[in-house]
Amino acid sequence: MKSAKEEKGKKISILYILRILKEFSDEKHPLSQKQIIELLDSKYGQAINRKSVKRDLEKLKDFLLPPEKFPGR
């Protein structure tokens, strides 16, 4: 069973990833998953695996689509 601290870390990691993307990347300078993992650890003390980063990136991609891109609109 995971501790409350581990669960909170998993939930907040998506926000840290968003912050990292805004601060350290743009269209001409994308970050790899490995770079994101390294920044999560060095900046925020978040140890997260590649699969979790991928899942969080997909959630951000889905969530940040403009409303006109949603099906049925």
C-alpha atoms as a PDB file:
ATOM      1  CA  MET A   1       0.000   0.000   0.000  1.00  0.00           C
ATOM      2  CA  LYS A   2       1.320   3.433  -0.955  1.00  0.00           C
ATOM      3  CA  SER A   3       1.723   6.181   1.574  1.00  0.00           C
ATOM      4  CA  ALA A   4      -0.219   9.436   1.389  1.00  0.00           C
ATOM      5  CA  LYS A   5       3.018  11.221   0.450  1.00  0.00           C
ATOM      6  CA  GLU A   6       3.560   8.883  -2.536  1.00  0.00           C
ATOM      7  CA  GLU A   7      -0.026   9.376  -3.702  1.00  0.00           C
ATOM      8  CA  LYS A   8       0.270  13.164  -3.414  1.00  0.00           C
ATOM      9  CA  GLY A   9       3.538  13.030  -5.366  1.00  0.00           C
ATOM     10  CA  LYS A  10       1.846  11.127  -8.188  1.00  0.00           C
ATOM     11  CA  LYS A  11      -1.008  13.598  -8.364  1.00  0.00           C
ATOM     12  CA  ILE A  12       1.155  16.702  -8.306  1.00  0.00           C
ATOM     13  CA  SER A  13       3.707  15.385 -10.807  1.00  0.00           C
ATOM     14  CA  ILE A  14       1.433  16.305 -13.722  1.00  0.00           C
ATOM     15  CA  LEU A  15       1.495  19.937 -12.555  1.00  0.00           C
ATOM     16  CA  TYR A  16       5.275  19.854 -12.263  1.00  0.00           C
ATOM     17  CA  ILE A  17       5.491  18.433 -15.786  1.00  0.00           C
ATOM     18  CA  LEU A  18       3.321  21.261 -17.079  1.00  0.00           C
ATOM     19  CA  ARG A  19       5.546  23.796 -15.317  1.00  0.00           C
ATOM     20  CA  ILE A  20       8.685  22.161 -16.743  1.00  0.00           C
ATOM     21  CA  LEU A  21       7.257  22.225 -20.258  1.00  0.00           C
ATOM     22  CA  LYS A  22       6.355  25.899 -19.954  1.00  0.00           C
ATOM     23  CA  GLU A  23       9.719  26.866 -18.473  1.00  0.00           C
ATOM     24  CA  PHE A  24      12.191  24.694 -20.381  1.00  0.00           C
ATOM     25  CA  SER A  25      10.640  23.898 -23.763  1.00  0.00           C
ATOM     26  CA  ASP A  26       8.891  25.356 -26.758  1.00  0.00           C
ATOM     27  CA  GLU A  27       8.042  24.242 -30.292  1.00  0.00           C
ATOM     28  CA  LYS A  28      11.652  24.563 -31.410  1.00  0.00           C
ATOM     29  CA  HIS A  29      13.128  23.052 -28.232  1.00  0.00           C
ATOM     30  CA  PRO A  30      11.099  20.013 -27.128  1.00  0.00           C
ATOM     31  CA  LEU A  31      12.110  17.939 -24.125  1.00  0.00           C
ATOM     32  CA  SER A  32      12.503  14.180 -24.141  1.00  0.00           C
ATOM     33  CA  GLN A  33      10.841  12.048 -21.483  1.00  0.00           C
ATOM     34  CA  LYS A  34      14.299  11.404 -20.057  1.00  0.00           C
ATOM     35  CA  GLN A  35      14.943  15.140 -19.723  1.00  0.00           C
ATOM     36  CA  ILE A  36      11.566  15.631 -18.040  1.00  0.00           C
ATOM     37  CA  ILE A  37      12.342  12.816 -15.587  1.00  0.00           C
ATOM     38  CA  GLU A  38      15.712  14.400 -14.777  1.00  0.00           C
ATOM     39  CA  LEU A  39      14.144  17.841 -14.251  1.00  0.00           C
ATOM     40  CA  LEU A  40      11.387  16.395 -12.057  1.00  0.00           C
ATOM     41  CA  ASP A  41      14.032  14.859  -9.838  1.00  0.00           C
ATOM     42  CA  SER A  42      16.474  17.774  -9.736  1.00  0.00           C
ATOM     43  CA  LYS A  43      13.936  20.620  -9.426  1.00  0.00           C
ATOM     44  CA  TYR A  44      11.146  19.021  -7.393  1.00  0.00           C
ATOM     45  CA  GLY A  45      12.546  15.840  -5.839  1.00  0.00           C
ATOM     46  CA  GLN A  46      10.007  13.747  -7.758  1.00  0.00           C
ATOM     47  CA  ALA A  47      11.187  10.262  -8.676  1.00  0.00           C
ATOM     48  CA  ILE A  48       8.892   9.171 -11.495  1.00  0.00           C
ATOM     49  CA  ASN A  49       9.211   6.469 -14.125  1.00  0.00           C
ATOM     50  CA  ARG A  50       8.983   6.826 -17.907  1.00  0.00           C
ATOM     51  CA  LYS A  51       5.539   5.230 -18.129  1.00  0.00           C
ATOM     52  CA  SER A  52       4.122   7.696 -15.614  1.00  0.00           C
ATOM     53  CA  VAL A  53       5.616  10.617 -17.524  1.00  0.00           C
ATOM     54  CA  LYS A  54       4.128   9.299 -20.749  1.00  0.00           C
ATOM     55  CA  ARG A  55       0.705   8.907 -19.119  1.00  0.00           C
ATOM     56  CA  ASP A  56       0.841  12.425 -17.678  1.00  0.00           C
ATOM     57  CA  LEU A  57       1.939  13.897 -21.030  1.00  0.00           C
ATOM     58  CA  GLU A  58      -1.010  12.189 -22.728  1.00  0.00           C
ATOM     59  CA  LYS A  59      -3.387  13.598 -20.096  1.00  0.00           C
ATOM     60  CA  LEU A  60      -1.984  17.086 -20.634  1.00  0.00           C
ATOM     61  CA  LYS A  61      -2.225  16.728 -24.393  1.00  0.00           C
ATOM     62  CA  ASP A  62      -5.857  15.614 -24.155  1.00  0.00           C
ATOM     63  CA  PHE A  63      -6.793  18.253 -21.590  1.00  0.00           C
ATOM     64  CA  LEU A  64      -5.102  21.182 -23.311  1.00  0.00           C
ATOM     65  CA  LEU A  65      -6.767  20.692 -26.695  1.00  0.00           C
ATOM     66  CA  PRO A  66      -8.864  23.705 -27.713  1.00  0.00           C
ATOM     67  CA  PRO A  67     -12.632  23.120 -27.258  1.00  0.00           C
ATOM     68  CA  GLU A  68     -13.247  23.080 -31.021  1.00  0.00           C
ATOM     69  CA  LYS A  69     -11.061  19.972 -31.255  1.00  0.00           C
ATOM     70  CA  PHE A  70     -13.367  17.906 -29.031  1.00  0.00           C
ATOM     71  CA  PRO A  71     -15.547  15.347 -30.823  1.00  0.00           C
ATOM     72  CA  GLY A  72     -19.166  16.371 -31.306  1.00  0.00           C
ATOM     73  CA  ARG A  73     -18.559  20.128 -31.520  1.00  0.00           C
END
